């Protein structure tokens, strides 16, 4: 009969999870730094570092979705419509400011009102899709937790 030499108690498992979380965050920040460095310092075309941006985006969205689903603590069905609209407007505003800073300040090019309007429409659509997707995942997670409790 063989003994398992790698028995982890609750303390070891929590330590392992903490280490993995810290390393995950360091990796995501390093990838973001590399992507920004290649884009703005080296001036490489987006096609040369688009793979890093896709990996970062997928990882962040998967992390948010997994946290919303597994925790089950966020139930958009119980929120007031006013708070949903305020949150969405804040999400759009943050995305618009980020986009304007990215193209006006970091790229160094002038940004006109027509471009800001185009950025706004794009951010509005992308934010809407993300908000709906993450809201649906949160709702499904909340229902899943309620079923687990019953």
N, C-alpha and C. Protein backbone atom coordinates (compact mmCIF):
# COMPACT_ATOMS: atom_id res chain seq x y z
N UNK A 1 0.84 -1.17 0.00
CA UNK A 1 0.00 0.00 0.00
C UNK A 1 0.89 1.25 0.00
N UNK A 2 0.66 2.12 -0.97
CA UNK A 2 1.50 3.31 -1.08
C UNK A 2 0.87 4.46 -0.32
N UNK A 3 1.75 5.23 0.28
CA UNK A 3 1.29 6.41 1.00
C UNK A 3 1.46 7.64 0.13
N UNK A 4 0.50 8.52 0.23
CA UNK A 4 0.58 9.77 -0.50
C UNK A 4 1.46 10.73 0.31
N UNK A 5 2.62 11.06 -0.23
CA UNK A 5 3.55 11.92 0.48
C UNK A 5 3.17 13.40 0.37
N UNK A 6 2.26 13.70 -0.51
CA UNK A 6 1.88 15.09 -0.72
C UNK A 6 0.49 15.35 -0.17
N UNK A 7 0.33 15.13 1.08
CA UNK A 7 -0.94 15.45 1.73
C UNK A 7 -0.91 16.89 2.17
N UNK A 8 -1.90 17.62 1.71
CA UNK A 8 -2.00 19.02 2.07
C UNK A 8 -3.15 19.20 3.04
N UNK A 9 -2.87 19.91 4.10
CA UNK A 9 -3.97 20.26 4.99
C UNK A 9 -4.56 21.59 4.51
N UNK A 10 -5.55 22.08 5.22
CA UNK A 10 -6.24 23.29 4.80
C UNK A 10 -5.31 24.49 4.73
N UNK A 11 -4.38 24.57 5.64
CA UNK A 11 -3.41 25.68 5.66
C UNK A 11 -2.51 25.64 4.43
N UNK A 12 -2.04 24.45 4.05
CA UNK A 12 -1.19 24.32 2.87
C UNK A 12 -1.96 24.65 1.59
N UNK A 13 -3.20 24.23 1.53
CA UNK A 13 -4.01 24.51 0.35
C UNK A 13 -4.25 26.01 0.22
N UNK A 14 -4.53 26.68 1.32
CA UNK A 14 -4.72 28.13 1.27
C UNK A 14 -3.44 28.85 0.88
N UNK A 15 -2.31 28.39 1.37
CA UNK A 15 -1.04 28.98 0.99
C UNK A 15 -0.77 28.79 -0.50
N UNK A 16 -1.04 27.59 -0.99
CA UNK A 16 -0.87 27.30 -2.41
C UNK A 16 -1.76 28.20 -3.27
N UNK A 17 -3.00 28.37 -2.86
CA UNK A 17 -3.92 29.25 -3.60
C UNK A 17 -3.45 30.70 -3.58
N UNK A 18 -2.93 31.14 -2.47
CA UNK A 18 -2.42 32.51 -2.37
C UNK A 18 -1.23 32.70 -3.30
N UNK A 19 -0.33 31.74 -3.32
CA UNK A 19 0.84 31.82 -4.20
C UNK A 19 0.41 31.84 -5.66
N UNK A 20 -0.52 30.98 -6.02
CA UNK A 20 -1.01 30.94 -7.40
C UNK A 20 -1.69 32.25 -7.79
N UNK A 21 -2.44 32.82 -6.89
CA UNK A 21 -3.12 34.08 -7.17
C UNK A 21 -2.12 35.20 -7.39
N UNK A 22 -1.12 35.28 -6.52
CA UNK A 22 -0.11 36.33 -6.66
C UNK A 22 0.66 36.16 -7.97
N UNK A 23 1.05 34.93 -8.29
CA UNK A 23 1.78 34.70 -9.53
C UNK A 23 0.91 34.99 -10.75
N UNK A 24 -0.37 34.67 -10.68
CA UNK A 24 -1.30 34.98 -11.77
C UNK A 24 -1.37 36.49 -11.99
N UNK A 25 -1.52 37.25 -10.90
CA UNK A 25 -1.60 38.70 -11.03
C UNK A 25 -0.29 39.30 -11.56
N UNK A 26 0.83 38.79 -11.09
CA UNK A 26 2.13 39.26 -11.58
C UNK A 26 2.25 38.97 -13.08
N UNK A 27 1.83 37.79 -13.51
CA UNK A 27 1.90 37.42 -14.91
C UNK A 27 1.01 38.33 -15.77
N UNK A 28 -0.20 38.61 -15.30
CA UNK A 28 -1.10 39.48 -16.06
C UNK A 28 -0.55 40.91 -16.14
N UNK A 29 -0.01 41.41 -15.04
CA UNK A 29 0.58 42.75 -15.06
C UNK A 29 1.81 42.80 -15.96
N UNK A 30 2.62 41.75 -15.95
CA UNK A 30 3.80 41.69 -16.82
C UNK A 30 3.38 41.65 -18.29
N UNK A 31 2.35 40.87 -18.60
CA UNK A 31 1.87 40.83 -19.98
C UNK A 31 1.33 42.19 -20.41
N UNK A 32 0.61 42.85 -19.53
CA UNK A 32 0.09 44.18 -19.85
C UNK A 32 1.25 45.16 -20.07
N UNK A 33 2.26 45.09 -19.22
CA UNK A 33 3.42 45.96 -19.37
C UNK A 33 4.15 45.70 -20.68
N UNK A 34 4.34 44.44 -21.03
CA UNK A 34 5.01 44.09 -22.28
C UNK A 34 4.21 44.59 -23.48
N UNK A 35 2.90 44.41 -23.41
CA UNK A 35 2.04 44.85 -24.51
C UNK A 35 2.09 46.36 -24.67
N UNK A 36 2.01 47.10 -23.58
CA UNK A 36 2.07 48.56 -23.66
C UNK A 36 3.45 49.04 -24.10
N UNK A 37 4.50 48.38 -23.63
CA UNK A 37 5.86 48.74 -24.03
C UNK A 37 6.04 48.55 -25.54
N UNK A 38 5.58 47.42 -26.03
CA UNK A 38 5.72 47.14 -27.47
C UNK A 38 4.90 48.11 -28.31
N UNK A 39 3.73 48.50 -27.80
CA UNK A 39 2.86 49.39 -28.56
C UNK A 39 3.36 50.82 -28.54
N UNK A 40 3.70 51.34 -27.36
CA UNK A 40 3.97 52.77 -27.26
C UNK A 40 5.45 53.13 -27.25
N UNK A 41 6.31 52.29 -26.71
CA UNK A 41 7.74 52.62 -26.68
C UNK A 41 8.41 52.16 -27.97
N UNK A 42 8.16 50.92 -28.35
CA UNK A 42 8.78 50.41 -29.58
C UNK A 42 8.01 50.83 -30.82
N UNK A 43 6.75 51.21 -30.66
CA UNK A 43 5.94 51.65 -31.80
C UNK A 43 5.60 50.55 -32.78
N UNK A 44 5.52 49.33 -32.29
CA UNK A 44 5.19 48.21 -33.17
C UNK A 44 3.72 48.28 -33.59
N UNK A 45 3.43 47.81 -34.78
CA UNK A 45 2.02 47.75 -35.19
C UNK A 45 1.24 46.79 -34.30
N UNK A 46 -0.06 47.02 -34.19
CA UNK A 46 -0.91 46.23 -33.30
C UNK A 46 -0.87 44.75 -33.67
N UNK A 47 -0.67 44.44 -34.92
CA UNK A 47 -0.65 43.04 -35.36
C UNK A 47 0.49 42.26 -34.70
N UNK A 48 1.56 42.95 -34.32
CA UNK A 48 2.71 42.26 -33.73
C UNK A 48 2.52 41.93 -32.25
N UNK A 49 1.56 42.55 -31.59
CA UNK A 49 1.33 42.24 -30.18
C UNK A 49 -0.15 42.04 -29.88
N UNK A 50 -0.92 41.79 -30.91
CA UNK A 50 -2.35 41.55 -30.74
C UNK A 50 -2.61 40.26 -29.97
N UNK A 51 -1.74 39.28 -30.11
CA UNK A 51 -1.90 38.02 -29.39
C UNK A 51 -1.84 38.23 -27.88
N UNK A 52 -0.96 39.11 -27.43
CA UNK A 52 -0.86 39.40 -25.99
C UNK A 52 -2.13 40.10 -25.51
N UNK A 53 -2.64 41.03 -26.30
CA UNK A 53 -3.87 41.74 -25.93
C UNK A 53 -5.05 40.78 -25.86
N UNK A 54 -5.11 39.82 -26.77
CA UNK A 54 -6.20 38.84 -26.75
C UNK A 54 -6.11 37.95 -25.52
N UNK A 55 -4.91 37.51 -25.18
CA UNK A 55 -4.73 36.67 -23.99
C UNK A 55 -5.11 37.44 -22.73
N UNK A 56 -4.68 38.70 -22.63
CA UNK A 56 -5.03 39.53 -21.48
C UNK A 56 -6.54 39.72 -21.36
N UNK A 57 -7.16 40.06 -22.47
CA UNK A 57 -8.61 40.29 -22.46
C UNK A 57 -9.36 39.03 -22.06
N UNK A 58 -9.01 37.91 -22.66
CA UNK A 58 -9.68 36.65 -22.33
C UNK A 58 -9.50 36.30 -20.87
N UNK A 59 -8.28 36.46 -20.35
CA UNK A 59 -8.01 36.12 -18.96
C UNK A 59 -8.80 37.00 -17.99
N UNK A 60 -8.85 38.30 -18.25
CA UNK A 60 -9.58 39.20 -17.37
C UNK A 60 -11.07 38.88 -17.40
N UNK A 61 -11.62 38.68 -18.60
CA UNK A 61 -13.05 38.36 -18.70
C UNK A 61 -13.37 37.00 -18.08
N UNK A 62 -12.49 36.02 -18.29
CA UNK A 62 -12.72 34.71 -17.68
C UNK A 62 -12.63 34.79 -16.16
N UNK A 63 -11.69 35.58 -15.64
CA UNK A 63 -11.57 35.74 -14.19
C UNK A 63 -12.82 36.40 -13.61
N UNK A 64 -13.27 37.49 -14.24
CA UNK A 64 -14.48 38.16 -13.76
C UNK A 64 -15.70 37.25 -13.83
N UNK A 65 -15.85 36.56 -14.95
CA UNK A 65 -16.98 35.65 -15.10
C UNK A 65 -16.95 34.52 -14.10
N UNK A 66 -15.77 33.94 -13.89
CA UNK A 66 -15.66 32.85 -12.92
C UNK A 66 -15.95 33.33 -11.51
N UNK A 67 -15.45 34.50 -11.16
CA UNK A 67 -15.71 35.03 -9.81
C UNK A 67 -17.20 35.32 -9.62
N UNK A 68 -17.84 35.88 -10.63
CA UNK A 68 -19.27 36.17 -10.53
C UNK A 68 -20.09 34.89 -10.43
N UNK A 69 -19.71 33.88 -11.21
CA UNK A 69 -20.49 32.64 -11.22
C UNK A 69 -20.27 31.83 -9.94
N UNK A 70 -19.03 31.62 -9.59
CA UNK A 70 -18.72 30.76 -8.45
C UNK A 70 -19.14 31.38 -7.13
N UNK A 71 -18.96 32.70 -6.99
CA UNK A 71 -19.33 33.32 -5.72
C UNK A 71 -20.85 33.34 -5.56
N UNK A 72 -21.57 33.60 -6.63
CA UNK A 72 -23.03 33.62 -6.57
C UNK A 72 -23.59 34.73 -5.73
N UNK A 73 -22.77 35.62 -5.24
CA UNK A 73 -23.22 36.68 -4.35
C UNK A 73 -23.80 37.88 -5.06
N UNK A 74 -23.62 37.96 -6.37
CA UNK A 74 -24.12 39.09 -7.13
C UNK A 74 -25.35 38.63 -7.91
N UNK A 75 -26.50 39.18 -7.57
CA UNK A 75 -27.73 38.85 -8.28
C UNK A 75 -28.28 40.12 -8.90
N UNK A 76 -28.06 40.32 -10.21
CA UNK A 76 -28.52 41.54 -10.86
C UNK A 76 -30.05 41.69 -10.82
N UNK A 77 -30.76 40.60 -10.65
CA UNK A 77 -32.21 40.67 -10.59
C UNK A 77 -32.72 41.41 -9.36
N UNK A 78 -31.90 41.53 -8.33
CA UNK A 78 -32.30 42.20 -7.09
C UNK A 78 -31.82 43.66 -7.04
N UNK A 79 -31.15 44.12 -8.08
CA UNK A 79 -30.64 45.48 -8.10
C UNK A 79 -31.71 46.44 -8.63
N UNK A 80 -31.63 47.66 -8.21
CA UNK A 80 -32.51 48.71 -8.74
C UNK A 80 -31.99 49.12 -10.12
N UNK A 81 -32.92 49.44 -10.98
CA UNK A 81 -32.56 49.84 -12.34
C UNK A 81 -31.67 51.07 -12.34
N UNK A 82 -31.90 51.97 -11.40
CA UNK A 82 -31.10 53.19 -11.32
C UNK A 82 -29.62 52.85 -11.09
N UNK A 83 -29.33 51.90 -10.20
CA UNK A 83 -27.95 51.53 -9.92
C UNK A 83 -27.31 50.81 -11.10
N UNK A 84 -28.08 50.05 -11.82
CA UNK A 84 -27.56 49.37 -13.02
C UNK A 84 -27.18 50.41 -14.07
N UNK A 85 -28.04 51.41 -14.26
CA UNK A 85 -27.76 52.46 -15.24
C UNK A 85 -26.55 53.29 -14.82
N UNK A 86 -26.45 53.62 -13.54
CA UNK A 86 -25.30 54.38 -13.05
C UNK A 86 -24.00 53.58 -13.21
N UNK A 87 -24.05 52.30 -12.90
CA UNK A 87 -22.87 51.45 -13.07
C UNK A 87 -22.46 51.33 -14.52
N UNK A 88 -23.44 51.16 -15.40
CA UNK A 88 -23.15 51.06 -16.83
C UNK A 88 -22.57 52.37 -17.35
N UNK A 89 -23.15 53.49 -16.94
CA UNK A 89 -22.64 54.80 -17.37
C UNK A 89 -21.20 55.00 -16.89
N UNK A 90 -20.92 54.59 -15.66
CA UNK A 90 -19.55 54.68 -15.15
C UNK A 90 -18.59 53.79 -15.93
N UNK A 91 -19.05 52.60 -16.27
CA UNK A 91 -18.26 51.66 -17.06
C UNK A 91 -17.94 52.26 -18.43
N UNK A 92 -18.95 52.88 -19.07
CA UNK A 92 -18.77 53.51 -20.38
C UNK A 92 -17.83 54.71 -20.26
N UNK A 93 -18.02 55.51 -19.23
CA UNK A 93 -17.17 56.69 -19.04
C UNK A 93 -15.71 56.29 -18.82
N UNK A 94 -15.49 55.29 -17.99
CA UNK A 94 -14.13 54.80 -17.76
C UNK A 94 -13.51 54.27 -19.05
N UNK A 95 -14.27 53.52 -19.82
CA UNK A 95 -13.77 53.01 -21.10
C UNK A 95 -13.47 54.10 -22.09
N UNK A 96 -14.32 55.13 -22.12
CA UNK A 96 -14.11 56.25 -23.04
C UNK A 96 -12.86 57.04 -22.65
N UNK A 97 -12.71 57.32 -21.36
CA UNK A 97 -11.52 58.05 -20.90
C UNK A 97 -10.26 57.25 -21.21
N UNK A 98 -10.29 55.94 -20.95
CA UNK A 98 -9.13 55.10 -21.25
C UNK A 98 -8.80 55.15 -22.74
N UNK A 99 -9.82 55.05 -23.59
CA UNK A 99 -9.61 55.05 -25.03
C UNK A 99 -9.05 56.39 -25.50
N UNK A 100 -9.58 57.48 -24.99
CA UNK A 100 -9.08 58.81 -25.39
C UNK A 100 -7.64 58.99 -24.93
N UNK A 101 -7.34 58.60 -23.70
CA UNK A 101 -5.96 58.72 -23.20
C UNK A 101 -5.03 57.85 -24.03
N UNK A 102 -5.48 56.66 -24.36
CA UNK A 102 -4.63 55.74 -25.13
C UNK A 102 -4.28 56.33 -26.48
N UNK A 103 -5.26 56.87 -27.18
CA UNK A 103 -5.00 57.37 -28.54
C UNK A 103 -4.50 58.80 -28.58
N UNK A 104 -4.88 59.63 -27.64
CA UNK A 104 -4.46 61.03 -27.67
C UNK A 104 -3.13 61.24 -26.96
N UNK A 105 -3.00 60.70 -25.78
CA UNK A 105 -1.81 60.97 -24.97
C UNK A 105 -0.68 59.99 -25.29
N UNK A 106 -0.98 58.69 -25.23
CA UNK A 106 0.08 57.71 -25.39
C UNK A 106 0.54 57.57 -26.84
N UNK A 107 -0.37 57.71 -27.79
CA UNK A 107 0.02 57.62 -29.20
C UNK A 107 0.52 58.96 -29.73
N UNK A 108 0.18 60.05 -29.04
CA UNK A 108 0.69 61.35 -29.42
C UNK A 108 -0.02 62.02 -30.58
N UNK A 109 -1.08 61.43 -31.07
CA UNK A 109 -1.79 62.04 -32.18
C UNK A 109 -2.96 62.88 -31.72
N UNK A 110 -3.35 63.85 -32.56
CA UNK A 110 -4.51 64.66 -32.19
C UNK A 110 -5.81 63.85 -32.33
N UNK A 111 -6.74 64.11 -31.44
CA UNK A 111 -8.03 63.42 -31.45
C UNK A 111 -9.11 64.48 -31.59
N UNK A 112 -9.90 64.38 -32.66
CA UNK A 112 -10.97 65.34 -32.90
C UNK A 112 -12.28 64.86 -32.31
N UNK A 113 -13.27 65.74 -32.37
CA UNK A 113 -14.59 65.41 -31.83
C UNK A 113 -15.24 64.25 -32.59
N UNK A 114 -15.00 64.17 -33.89
CA UNK A 114 -15.57 63.06 -34.67
C UNK A 114 -14.99 61.73 -34.20
N UNK A 115 -13.69 61.70 -33.93
CA UNK A 115 -13.07 60.47 -33.43
C UNK A 115 -13.59 60.13 -32.03
N UNK A 116 -13.77 61.13 -31.18
CA UNK A 116 -14.30 60.88 -29.84
C UNK A 116 -15.71 60.32 -29.95
N UNK A 117 -16.50 60.82 -30.89
CA UNK A 117 -17.84 60.27 -31.12
C UNK A 117 -17.78 58.82 -31.56
N UNK A 118 -16.84 58.50 -32.45
CA UNK A 118 -16.66 57.10 -32.88
C UNK A 118 -16.21 56.23 -31.72
N UNK A 119 -15.28 56.73 -30.91
CA UNK A 119 -14.83 55.99 -29.73
C UNK A 119 -16.01 55.73 -28.79
N UNK A 120 -16.85 56.76 -28.61
CA UNK A 120 -17.99 56.63 -27.70
C UNK A 120 -18.94 55.53 -28.18
N UNK A 121 -19.26 55.52 -29.46
CA UNK A 121 -20.17 54.50 -30.00
C UNK A 121 -19.56 53.11 -29.83
N UNK A 122 -18.28 52.98 -30.10
CA UNK A 122 -17.61 51.69 -29.95
C UNK A 122 -17.60 51.24 -28.49
N UNK A 123 -17.21 52.14 -27.60
CA UNK A 123 -17.17 51.80 -26.17
C UNK A 123 -18.56 51.49 -25.64
N UNK A 124 -19.56 52.22 -26.10
CA UNK A 124 -20.94 51.98 -25.68
C UNK A 124 -21.38 50.57 -26.06
N UNK A 125 -21.08 50.14 -27.27
CA UNK A 125 -21.46 48.80 -27.73
C UNK A 125 -20.70 47.70 -27.01
N UNK A 126 -19.39 47.86 -26.92
CA UNK A 126 -18.58 46.84 -26.26
C UNK A 126 -18.94 46.74 -24.78
N UNK A 127 -19.12 47.89 -24.14
CA UNK A 127 -19.51 47.89 -22.72
C UNK A 127 -20.87 47.24 -22.52
N UNK A 128 -21.80 47.49 -23.44
CA UNK A 128 -23.11 46.87 -23.35
C UNK A 128 -23.05 45.36 -23.44
N UNK A 129 -22.28 44.86 -24.40
CA UNK A 129 -22.14 43.41 -24.55
C UNK A 129 -21.48 42.81 -23.31
N UNK A 130 -20.42 43.44 -22.82
CA UNK A 130 -19.74 42.93 -21.63
C UNK A 130 -20.64 42.97 -20.39
N UNK A 131 -21.38 44.06 -20.24
CA UNK A 131 -22.27 44.18 -19.08
C UNK A 131 -23.37 43.12 -19.13
N UNK A 132 -23.94 42.91 -20.30
CA UNK A 132 -24.97 41.88 -20.44
C UNK A 132 -24.41 40.49 -20.18
N UNK A 133 -23.25 40.21 -20.74
CA UNK A 133 -22.63 38.89 -20.56
C UNK A 133 -22.28 38.64 -19.09
N UNK A 134 -21.62 39.60 -18.46
CA UNK A 134 -21.25 39.42 -17.05
C UNK A 134 -22.47 39.42 -16.14
N UNK A 135 -23.49 40.21 -16.48
CA UNK A 135 -24.74 40.18 -15.71
C UNK A 135 -25.43 38.84 -15.81
N UNK A 136 -25.45 38.26 -17.01
CA UNK A 136 -26.05 36.94 -17.19
C UNK A 136 -25.28 35.87 -16.42
N UNK A 137 -23.97 35.95 -16.46
CA UNK A 137 -23.15 34.99 -15.71
C UNK A 137 -23.40 35.13 -14.21
N UNK A 138 -23.50 36.37 -13.73
CA UNK A 138 -23.77 36.60 -12.30
C UNK A 138 -25.14 36.06 -11.92
N UNK A 139 -26.13 36.26 -12.77
CA UNK A 139 -27.48 35.76 -12.49
C UNK A 139 -27.50 34.24 -12.46
N UNK A 140 -26.83 33.61 -13.42
CA UNK A 140 -26.76 32.15 -13.44
C UNK A 140 -26.02 31.61 -12.22
N UNK A 141 -24.95 32.29 -11.81
CA UNK A 141 -24.21 31.89 -10.61
C UNK A 141 -25.06 32.01 -9.36
N UNK A 142 -25.84 33.08 -9.28
CA UNK A 142 -26.72 33.27 -8.13
C UNK A 142 -27.77 32.17 -8.06
N UNK A 143 -28.35 31.85 -9.20
CA UNK A 143 -29.34 30.76 -9.23
C UNK A 143 -28.71 29.42 -8.90
N UNK A 144 -27.49 29.21 -9.36
CA UNK A 144 -26.80 27.95 -9.09
C UNK A 144 -26.54 27.79 -7.59
N UNK A 145 -26.11 28.89 -6.95
CA UNK A 145 -25.88 28.85 -5.50
C UNK A 145 -27.18 28.60 -4.75
N UNK A 146 -28.27 29.25 -5.18
CA UNK A 146 -29.56 29.03 -4.52
C UNK A 146 -30.00 27.57 -4.64
N UNK A 147 -29.74 26.94 -5.78
CA UNK A 147 -30.07 25.52 -5.95
C UNK A 147 -29.19 24.66 -5.06
N UNK A 148 -27.94 25.04 -4.90
CA UNK A 148 -27.03 24.29 -4.03
C UNK A 148 -27.48 24.36 -2.57
N UNK A 149 -28.00 25.53 -2.17
CA UNK A 149 -28.44 25.70 -0.80
C UNK A 149 -29.68 24.84 -0.52
N UNK A 150 -30.58 24.78 -1.51
CA UNK A 150 -31.79 23.96 -1.34
C UNK A 150 -31.40 22.51 -1.36
